[in-house]
Each structure stands twice: as structure tokens, then as C-alpha cells.
Amino acid sequence: MKFAIINDMHIGPVESGHYKGVQRKLVSESGRLVEEFVDRMNAQERPEFVVNLGDSIEDVNSRDIDIQSFKKSIALLSGLKMPVYSMVGNHDVKTLTQEEVAKILGIEQMYYSFDRGAYHFVVLSFEMTGNHRDGDINAKLPAKQLEWLKKNLSKTSKSTIVFSHYGLADDDMKDNFWFENAPHLGHLANKLEIREILEESGKVKAVISAHQHWNRMFVHNGIPYFTVTSLVENFNNDGVPSEAHTIVILEDNKISLDVKGNDPAKYEFTFVL
């Protein structure tokens, strides 16, 4: 089975995306890059489906503009000739609620699951706690979703792949442009509790995340945790976007990730049987 991932598209006003005095997210390139991704998927890769790992927009503290950006992201991805499964990122819910995002996307809620072939796929969401203005914020899976996750995994007999916008691995964020000085902002606050649920199920074969804007792989208790970089990351601060998307190949006994673009990476993991 082959599927594709796009993430951290950061659709928004072209002047946005600055951090530490650098336009680290090349928002002006996002529309073109999504269009090229759609063309490549349709004409060359032809994956079975596409997963959008969140941060579809670059929020600008304006509900009206953020809604426009969301609608643009949906319109850009609508050209794909295969199903698209979208999830929410932190920038998507700065001015909008999860319920509002779900309504825009035309789905019931922002955490859900689906089956494809021999595999079960779980899409996680999160809730934000704290105050954005003070920077004292955390993301976590609330109790209701933790219970849903346990029940969802208990009901499937299939090997399972989990998608989470925020990281779940133990990564100290050293040398990460965004999170080195605030590593807690790169992960779900209750990641250890979540990982325990995944491990106890005996069914989860891999976890794939976004958000951190770089490529990583960690293995915890037999489960690989992959992080893939942003579509528009100005990764060398030279005005050249990563142009990233990821092709995932799932076989009975292993998973392979190929991060395409200007900041490429390849990972392969043989499942513990």
C-alpha cells in the first residue's frame, strides 16, 4: 500500500510566517507548492490516499482571514483524484474552534479512524490549554479522546498506523529552530500516557507526526515514531523552501517513509512481530 503525506502548508497572507526575524515559513510559496504536489500525486505517484497532517493555515489573529485561508487550502487540495484525510494543527485553531474547523472540512469531528486494506488508521486531535498571549500553552489529548482511543484500538483486529500533528516521541529538540528553547511546545503534554495506550493495544505499528518542521525517527518499545518536515520551511534561511511531501509504503512486515524535496530523508522500519 502506498499513501502520501502533506503537512504544515501554512496557507495565509504572503507577509506572514516570520520568527526570530526570519521569514522561516515561505508562505508566499505555499499555494504554488500545493498545486505542484496535487499535480505530482495525480500524474506520477498515484497514492491510494493522502493525509494532511495539519497546520493547513498560517493564522494571523483574524477569524475572517483564517477562514479564507482554510477555504483556500481545501480548494487547493480538492484537485486530488484520491481521498484526502485531514487533521488539525495548532495554527488551525488559533482563532477557530475544532468544531468550526470540522464544519469547514465537512467532517463530524477532528479525531476519527478509517480502514484501508489490511490496515487501520487513527487520526488524533488535541486540545490547547493555557494562554496564547502569554506563551504559557500546552497541547494534550483530553480524557474523552483518550477513552475513545482505547476503545477504537480495542475494536480493530488490524495493524494500526496513528497520525498526530504534535510529536509523541522523546526528542529534546536540540538544534530545532522552532522548539529548542521550548521543547514542550513540540510534543503533546501527555505523550507518555498516550504511548502507553498505543503499546498496550499491541496493534500500533507506527506513529507519524508533523509540527516540528524537521525530519526525525525514534523507536520506543518497538514502535517507530516518525516526524516529517513542513512543505514551506525555509530550512537554511536562504529563501529556498523544503518543498516537502512524504511517500509512505506499507507492507505486511515493514514501513518505509521517503520525504521528498530539498530537505529529504528516508526511513525504514521492520515491524516487531
Protein backbone atom coordinates (compact mmCIF):
# COMPACT_ATOMS: atom_id res chain seq x y z
CA MET A 1 0.00 0.00 0.00
CA LYS A 2 1.22 3.47 -0.86
CA PHE A 3 -0.10 6.72 0.57
CA ALA A 4 1.18 10.29 0.64
CA ILE A 5 1.50 12.94 3.32
CA ILE A 6 1.44 16.71 3.08
CA ASN A 7 1.71 18.87 6.17
CA ASP A 8 2.33 22.33 7.57
CA MET A 9 1.24 24.02 4.34
CA HIS A 10 0.73 27.32 6.18
CA ILE A 11 -1.61 28.91 3.67
CA GLY A 12 -2.01 32.59 4.59
CA PRO A 13 -1.07 36.20 3.82
CA VAL A 14 2.27 36.33 1.98
CA GLU A 15 3.85 38.63 4.55
CA SER A 16 3.26 36.20 7.43
CA GLY A 17 5.41 33.33 8.69
CA HIS A 18 8.18 35.27 10.45
CA TYR A 19 10.02 34.07 13.57
CA LYS A 20 13.27 35.29 15.14
CA GLY A 21 13.49 37.99 12.46
CA VAL A 22 13.35 35.46 9.60
CA GLN A 23 10.50 34.51 7.30
CA ARG A 24 11.02 30.90 8.24
CA LYS A 25 7.74 29.80 6.65
CA LEU A 26 7.75 30.80 2.99
CA VAL A 27 4.03 31.45 2.90
CA SER A 28 4.25 33.15 -0.49
CA GLU A 29 5.31 29.77 -1.95
CA SER A 30 2.63 27.65 -0.31
CA GLY A 31 -0.07 27.92 -2.98
CA ARG A 32 2.30 27.04 -5.81
CA LEU A 33 3.81 24.15 -3.87
CA VAL A 34 0.42 22.64 -3.02
CA GLU A 35 -0.60 22.87 -6.68
CA GLU A 36 2.61 21.10 -7.69
CA PHE A 37 2.00 18.44 -5.04
CA VAL A 38 -1.51 17.81 -6.40
CA ASP A 39 -0.21 17.50 -9.95
CA ARG A 40 2.53 15.11 -8.89
CA MET A 41 0.15 12.89 -6.94
CA ASN A 42 -2.33 12.70 -9.80
CA ALA A 43 0.14 12.22 -12.64
CA GLN A 44 3.06 10.34 -11.11
CA GLU A 45 2.75 8.93 -7.59
CA ARG A 46 -0.94 7.95 -7.63
CA PRO A 47 -1.11 7.04 -3.92
CA GLU A 48 -4.16 5.25 -2.56
CA PHE A 49 -4.93 8.28 -0.37
CA VAL A 50 -3.39 11.47 1.02
CA VAL A 51 -3.12 12.52 4.67
CA ASN A 52 -2.91 16.21 5.57
CA LEU A 53 -1.20 16.31 8.99
CA GLY A 54 -2.42 19.79 9.89
CA ASP A 55 -1.37 23.42 10.06
CA SER A 56 -3.13 23.99 6.79
CA ILE A 57 -3.07 27.72 7.52
CA GLU A 58 -0.75 30.37 8.93
CA ASP A 59 -3.01 32.14 11.41
CA VAL A 60 -2.88 35.93 11.61
CA ASN A 61 -5.20 36.55 14.59
CA SER A 62 -8.12 37.29 12.27
CA ARG A 63 -11.02 34.87 12.09
CA ASP A 64 -12.13 36.15 8.71
CA ILE A 65 -8.69 35.83 7.15
CA ASP A 66 -8.09 32.44 8.77
CA ILE A 67 -11.39 31.13 7.39
CA GLN A 68 -10.45 32.40 3.93
CA SER A 69 -7.08 30.67 4.23
CA PHE A 70 -8.77 27.42 5.26
CA LYS A 71 -11.12 27.53 2.31
CA LYS A 72 -8.18 28.18 0.02
CA SER A 73 -6.32 25.15 1.40
CA ILE A 74 -9.35 22.95 0.81
CA ALA A 75 -9.76 24.29 -2.72
CA LEU A 76 -6.09 23.61 -3.49
CA LEU A 77 -6.29 20.01 -2.27
CA SER A 78 -9.66 19.40 -3.97
CA GLY A 79 -7.85 18.66 -7.22
CA LEU A 80 -6.52 15.38 -5.83
CA LYS A 81 -8.01 12.34 -7.53
CA MET A 82 -7.79 10.24 -4.37
CA PRO A 83 -9.32 10.58 -0.88
CA VAL A 84 -7.83 13.18 1.47
CA TYR A 85 -7.89 12.70 5.25
CA SER A 86 -7.23 15.99 7.05
CA MET A 87 -6.36 16.71 10.64
CA VAL A 88 -5.98 19.84 12.70
CA GLY A 89 -2.80 21.65 13.71
CA ASN A 90 -2.16 24.32 16.31
CA HIS A 91 -2.22 27.19 13.81
CA ASP A 92 -5.58 25.97 12.54
CA VAL A 93 -7.23 26.61 15.89
CA LYS A 94 -5.70 29.91 16.98
CA THR A 95 -8.85 31.86 16.12
CA LEU A 96 -11.19 28.98 15.25
CA THR A 97 -12.55 26.11 17.31
CA GLN A 98 -12.06 22.46 16.46
CA GLU A 99 -15.80 22.26 15.76
CA GLU A 100 -15.58 25.15 13.31
CA VAL A 101 -12.65 23.55 11.51
CA ALA A 102 -14.51 20.24 11.28
CA LYS A 103 -17.52 22.05 9.80
CA ILE A 104 -15.34 23.78 7.20
CA LEU A 105 -13.79 20.43 6.30
CA GLY A 106 -17.19 18.75 6.18
CA ILE A 107 -16.44 16.10 8.78
CA GLU A 108 -18.07 15.25 12.12
CA GLN A 109 -15.06 15.81 14.39
CA MET A 110 -11.31 16.22 14.21
CA TYR A 111 -10.38 12.79 15.59
CA TYR A 112 -11.52 9.68 13.77
CA SER A 113 -10.34 6.45 12.16
CA PHE A 114 -10.61 4.66 8.84
CA ASP A 115 -9.60 1.35 7.28
CA ARG A 116 -7.68 0.72 4.09
CA GLY A 117 -6.81 -2.81 3.05
CA ALA A 118 -5.13 -4.71 5.86
CA TYR A 119 -4.53 -1.56 7.91
CA HIS A 120 -6.45 0.58 10.40
CA PHE A 121 -5.59 4.30 10.59
CA VAL A 122 -6.21 6.59 13.56
CA VAL A 123 -6.25 10.39 13.29
CA LEU A 124 -5.71 12.19 16.60
CA SER A 125 -6.60 15.73 17.57
CA PHE A 126 -5.72 17.68 20.74
CA GLU A 127 -6.89 20.48 23.00
CA MET A 128 -4.94 23.63 23.84
CA THR A 129 -4.56 24.73 27.44
CA GLY A 130 -3.14 27.99 28.74
CA ASN A 131 -2.93 31.43 27.19
CA HIS A 132 -1.55 32.05 23.70
CA ARG A 133 -0.74 35.66 24.54
CA ASP A 134 1.43 34.69 27.49
CA GLY A 135 3.04 31.81 25.62
CA ASP A 136 2.05 29.55 28.51
CA ILE A 137 0.32 26.90 26.40
CA ASN A 138 0.29 23.15 26.07
CA ALA A 139 -1.40 20.69 23.78
CA LYS A 140 -2.73 17.39 25.06
CA LEU A 141 -5.23 14.64 24.34
CA PRO A 142 -8.20 15.28 26.65
CA ALA A 143 -9.67 12.46 28.74
CA LYS A 144 -12.60 11.96 26.38
CA GLN A 145 -10.29 11.37 23.44
CA LEU A 146 -8.02 9.07 25.44
CA GLU A 147 -11.02 6.87 26.21
CA TRP A 148 -12.08 6.99 22.57
CA LEU A 149 -8.56 5.93 21.53
CA LYS A 150 -8.60 2.94 23.88
CA LYS A 151 -11.99 1.79 22.61
CA ASN A 152 -11.10 2.40 18.99
CA LEU A 153 -7.94 0.30 19.22
CA SER A 154 -9.75 -2.45 21.12
CA LYS A 155 -12.34 -2.80 18.36
CA THR A 156 -9.98 -3.30 15.43
CA SER A 157 -8.19 -6.52 14.57
CA LYS A 158 -5.94 -4.81 12.06
CA SER A 159 -2.42 -3.46 12.31
CA THR A 160 -2.71 0.26 13.00
CA ILE A 161 -0.95 3.46 11.95
CA VAL A 162 -1.51 6.57 14.10
CA PHE A 163 -1.32 10.17 12.91
CA SER A 164 -0.72 13.04 15.34
CA HIS A 165 0.07 16.64 14.47
CA TYR A 166 2.15 17.01 17.64
CA GLY A 167 5.08 14.74 18.41
CA LEU A 168 4.82 11.75 20.74
CA ALA A 169 8.50 10.73 20.84
CA ASP A 170 11.20 11.67 23.35
CA ASP A 171 13.08 14.36 21.47
CA ASP A 172 14.93 17.12 23.32
CA MET A 173 14.56 19.48 20.31
CA LYS A 174 18.29 20.32 20.35
CA ASP A 175 19.09 22.48 17.31
CA ASN A 176 15.44 22.72 16.32
CA PHE A 177 14.83 26.25 15.00
CA TRP A 178 11.34 26.44 16.50
CA PHE A 179 11.42 24.48 19.73
CA GLU A 180 14.97 24.21 21.08
CA ASN A 181 14.19 26.75 23.80
CA ALA A 182 10.68 25.44 24.46
CA PRO A 183 10.73 21.69 23.71
CA HIS A 184 7.41 21.11 25.47
CA LEU A 185 5.69 23.02 22.66
CA GLY A 186 6.78 20.39 20.15
CA HIS A 187 5.03 17.48 21.88
CA LEU A 188 1.69 16.53 23.33
CA ALA A 189 1.92 17.18 27.05
CA ASN A 190 0.57 13.72 27.95
CA LYS A 191 2.59 11.83 25.34
CA LEU A 192 3.70 9.15 27.82
CA GLU A 193 0.10 8.31 28.69
CA ILE A 194 -0.78 8.14 25.00
CA ARG A 195 2.19 5.93 24.20
CA GLU A 196 1.18 3.55 26.97
CA ILE A 197 -2.24 3.17 25.35
CA LEU A 198 -0.66 2.54 21.95
CA GLU A 199 1.75 -0.04 23.37
CA GLU A 200 -0.87 -1.88 25.41
CA SER A 201 -3.09 -2.31 22.36
CA GLY A 202 -0.45 -4.48 20.70
CA LYS A 203 -1.73 -3.25 17.32
CA VAL A 204 0.04 0.04 16.63
CA LYS A 205 2.88 -0.38 14.14
CA ALA A 206 3.93 3.25 13.64
CA VAL A 207 3.14 6.87 14.52
CA ILE A 208 3.61 9.74 12.05
CA SER A 209 3.68 13.38 13.15
CA ALA A 210 4.35 16.87 11.80
CA HIS A 211 4.58 20.27 13.59
CA GLN A 212 8.31 20.31 14.41
CA HIS A 213 9.39 21.27 10.87
CA TRP A 214 12.17 18.72 10.59
CA ASN A 215 12.67 15.01 9.88
CA ARG A 216 13.16 12.55 12.73
CA MET A 217 12.69 8.92 13.75
CA PHE A 218 12.68 7.46 17.27
CA VAL A 219 11.71 3.99 18.47
CA HIS A 220 10.02 3.44 21.83
CA ASN A 221 9.13 -0.08 22.97
CA GLY A 222 9.06 -1.44 19.45
CA ILE A 223 7.00 1.35 17.88
CA PRO A 224 8.68 3.81 15.45
CA TYR A 225 7.74 7.47 15.77
CA PHE A 226 8.35 9.50 12.61
CA THR A 227 8.28 13.28 12.23
CA VAL A 228 8.22 14.86 8.76
CA THR A 229 9.06 18.42 7.81
CA SER A 230 6.91 21.30 6.59
CA LEU A 231 6.08 21.98 2.95
CA VAL A 232 7.28 25.60 3.22
CA GLU A 233 10.10 25.51 5.79
CA ASN A 234 12.93 27.93 4.91
CA PHE A 235 15.27 25.34 6.39
CA ASN A 236 18.57 27.05 5.52
CA ASN A 237 17.30 30.62 5.97
CA ASP A 238 18.16 31.24 2.31
CA GLY A 239 14.68 31.67 0.85
CA VAL A 240 14.51 28.13 -0.56
CA PRO A 241 11.52 26.15 0.73
CA SER A 242 11.81 22.49 1.68
CA GLU A 243 9.06 21.65 -0.86
CA ALA A 244 8.45 18.58 1.29
CA HIS A 245 5.94 15.82 0.94
CA THR A 246 6.23 12.22 2.08
CA ILE A 247 5.56 8.92 0.34
CA VAL A 248 4.78 6.03 2.67
CA ILE A 249 4.96 2.39 1.62
CA LEU A 250 3.25 -0.11 3.92
CA GLU A 251 3.98 -3.81 3.61
CA ASP A 252 2.97 -6.69 5.84
CA ASN A 253 6.21 -6.56 7.79
CA LYS A 254 7.62 -3.04 7.38
CA ILE A 255 7.03 0.65 6.76
CA SER A 256 9.12 2.95 4.57
CA LEU A 257 8.99 6.76 4.54
CA ASP A 258 10.55 8.82 1.76
CA VAL A 259 10.50 12.56 2.48
CA LYS A 260 10.84 14.27 -0.91
CA GLY A 261 12.02 17.80 -1.68
CA ASN A 262 15.00 19.97 -0.83
CA ASP A 263 15.40 18.63 2.73
CA PRO A 264 14.98 14.90 2.05
CA ALA A 265 15.07 11.93 4.41
CA LYS A 266 14.44 8.19 4.16
CA TYR A 267 13.41 5.85 6.95
CA GLU A 268 12.56 2.16 7.08
CA PHE A 269 11.41 0.05 9.99
CA THR A 270 10.69 -3.67 10.13
CA PHE A 271 7.79 -4.34 12.45
CA VAL A 272 8.23 -6.37 15.60
CA LEU A 273 6.05 -9.44 15.09
